[in-house]
Amino acid sequence: MAYDDRLAARLRATTSEVLGTDVQVVEKQMFGGLALMVEGTMACGVYQDAFLVRVDPATSAEVLTEPSVRPFDMGRGPSKGWVLVDPEGVADDRELRRWVQRSTSYARTLPRK
């Protein structure tokens, strides 16, 4: 299944708003979806029709209790530090912005690659 192009366009615009032009953001096609690399570290993306979000693994259990959030699992069990937010959880631009801020903020704490 291809990824949601409309969500990808919204993600690009929101990420640009959140980070501005001084932060390097690179798009990569990964796992049949779209990944956004922030300063060399994957921060978020689009997987099928859902928003893929990188979170601090220490907070994963708490994040999974939020509405419209489920584990990211590509067949080998849930990926630590990654969750999917279903379309209804990012239908509102304010919610998408909140998730983008969360994922990019966490990714920027990680060592650059």
Protein backbone atom coordinates (compact mmCIF):
# COMPACT_ATOMS: atom_id res chain seq x y z
CA MET A 1 0.00 0.00 0.00
CA ALA A 2 1.32 3.44 -0.90
CA TYR A 3 1.47 6.18 1.68
CA ASP A 4 -1.06 9.01 1.97
CA ASP A 5 0.18 11.86 -0.27
CA ARG A 6 -2.12 14.43 1.36
CA LEU A 7 -0.80 13.62 4.82
CA ALA A 8 2.76 13.81 3.42
CA ALA A 9 2.07 17.31 2.04
CA ARG A 10 0.61 18.43 5.37
CA LEU A 11 3.61 16.93 7.17
CA ARG A 12 6.08 18.81 4.95
CA ALA A 13 4.30 22.12 5.52
CA THR A 14 3.93 21.59 9.26
CA THR A 15 7.54 20.49 9.70
CA SER A 16 8.71 23.58 7.84
CA GLU A 17 6.52 25.75 10.10
CA VAL A 18 7.76 24.07 13.28
CA LEU A 19 11.47 23.99 12.43
CA GLY A 20 11.88 26.98 10.13
CA THR A 21 14.47 27.12 7.38
CA ASP A 22 17.63 26.86 9.49
CA VAL A 23 17.17 23.15 10.26
CA GLN A 24 18.13 20.54 7.68
CA VAL A 25 15.19 18.27 6.79
CA VAL A 26 15.65 15.53 4.19
CA GLU A 27 12.95 13.23 2.84
CA LYS A 28 13.68 9.56 2.25
CA GLN A 29 11.54 6.75 0.92
CA MET A 30 11.63 4.00 3.55
CA PHE A 31 9.58 0.87 4.34
CA GLY A 32 7.10 1.79 1.60
CA GLY A 33 6.50 5.15 3.22
CA LEU A 34 8.05 8.56 3.60
CA ALA A 35 10.55 9.43 6.33
CA LEU A 36 11.71 12.88 7.38
CA MET A 37 15.28 13.08 8.57
CA VAL A 38 15.96 16.07 10.82
CA GLU A 39 19.64 16.94 10.94
CA GLY A 40 20.43 13.38 9.87
CA THR A 41 18.14 11.58 12.33
CA MET A 42 14.78 10.11 11.41
CA ALA A 43 12.07 11.99 13.27
CA CYS A 44 8.73 11.18 11.68
CA GLY A 45 7.02 10.14 8.50
CA VAL A 46 4.01 8.72 6.79
CA TYR A 47 3.34 4.99 6.77
CA GLN A 48 0.31 3.95 4.72
CA ASP A 49 -2.42 6.30 6.00
CA ALA A 50 -0.90 6.95 9.43
CA PHE A 51 1.61 9.42 10.84
CA LEU A 52 4.79 7.72 12.05
CA VAL A 53 6.22 9.39 15.14
CA ARG A 54 9.52 8.92 16.93
CA VAL A 55 9.18 9.21 20.70
CA ASP A 56 11.46 8.69 23.66
CA PRO A 57 11.35 4.91 24.26
CA ALA A 58 11.01 5.61 27.98
CA THR A 59 7.65 7.27 27.28
CA SER A 60 6.31 4.77 24.71
CA ALA A 61 3.87 3.05 27.10
CA GLU A 62 2.42 6.41 28.13
CA VAL A 63 2.18 7.64 24.53
CA LEU A 64 0.33 4.47 23.53
CA THR A 65 -2.50 5.41 25.91
CA GLU A 66 -3.28 8.54 23.87
CA PRO A 67 -6.26 8.46 21.48
CA SER A 68 -5.63 7.17 17.94
CA VAL A 69 -2.11 5.93 18.80
CA ARG A 70 -0.94 2.37 18.20
CA PRO A 71 2.39 0.55 18.12
CA PHE A 72 4.47 0.62 14.94
CA ASP A 73 5.01 -3.00 13.98
CA MET A 74 6.40 -4.23 10.68
CA GLY A 75 5.99 -7.91 11.55
CA ARG A 76 8.80 -8.37 14.07
CA GLY A 77 7.02 -6.91 17.07
CA PRO A 78 6.53 -3.30 18.07
CA SER A 79 9.42 -0.97 17.28
CA LYS A 80 10.68 0.68 20.46
CA GLY A 81 10.38 4.43 20.36
CA TRP A 82 8.03 4.49 17.37
CA VAL A 83 4.26 4.84 17.24
CA LEU A 84 1.63 5.35 14.57
CA VAL A 85 -1.04 8.00 14.91
CA ASP A 86 -4.13 7.04 12.93
CA PRO A 87 -5.69 9.60 10.55
CA GLU A 88 -8.31 10.77 13.04
CA GLY A 89 -5.51 11.66 15.47
CA VAL A 90 -3.93 14.10 13.01
CA ALA A 91 -7.03 15.27 11.12
CA ASP A 92 -6.75 18.64 12.87
CA ASP A 93 -3.70 20.76 11.93
CA ARG A 94 -3.15 21.65 15.59
CA GLU A 95 -2.82 17.95 16.49
CA LEU A 96 -0.46 17.28 13.59
CA ARG A 97 1.67 20.22 14.72
CA ARG A 98 1.77 18.83 18.29
CA TRP A 99 3.00 15.45 17.04
CA VAL A 100 5.56 17.04 14.71
CA GLN A 101 6.91 19.14 17.57
CA ARG A 102 7.10 16.07 19.79
CA SER A 103 8.92 13.92 17.23
CA THR A 104 11.34 16.56 15.96
CA SER A 105 12.17 17.75 19.48
CA TYR A 106 13.05 14.23 20.55
CA ALA A 107 15.00 13.44 17.38
CA ARG A 108 17.10 16.57 17.85
CA THR A 109 18.26 15.29 21.28
CA LEU A 110 19.84 12.23 19.64
CA PRO A 111 23.41 12.11 18.33
CA ARG A 112 23.73 13.28 14.75
CA LYS A 113 24.46 10.60 12.19
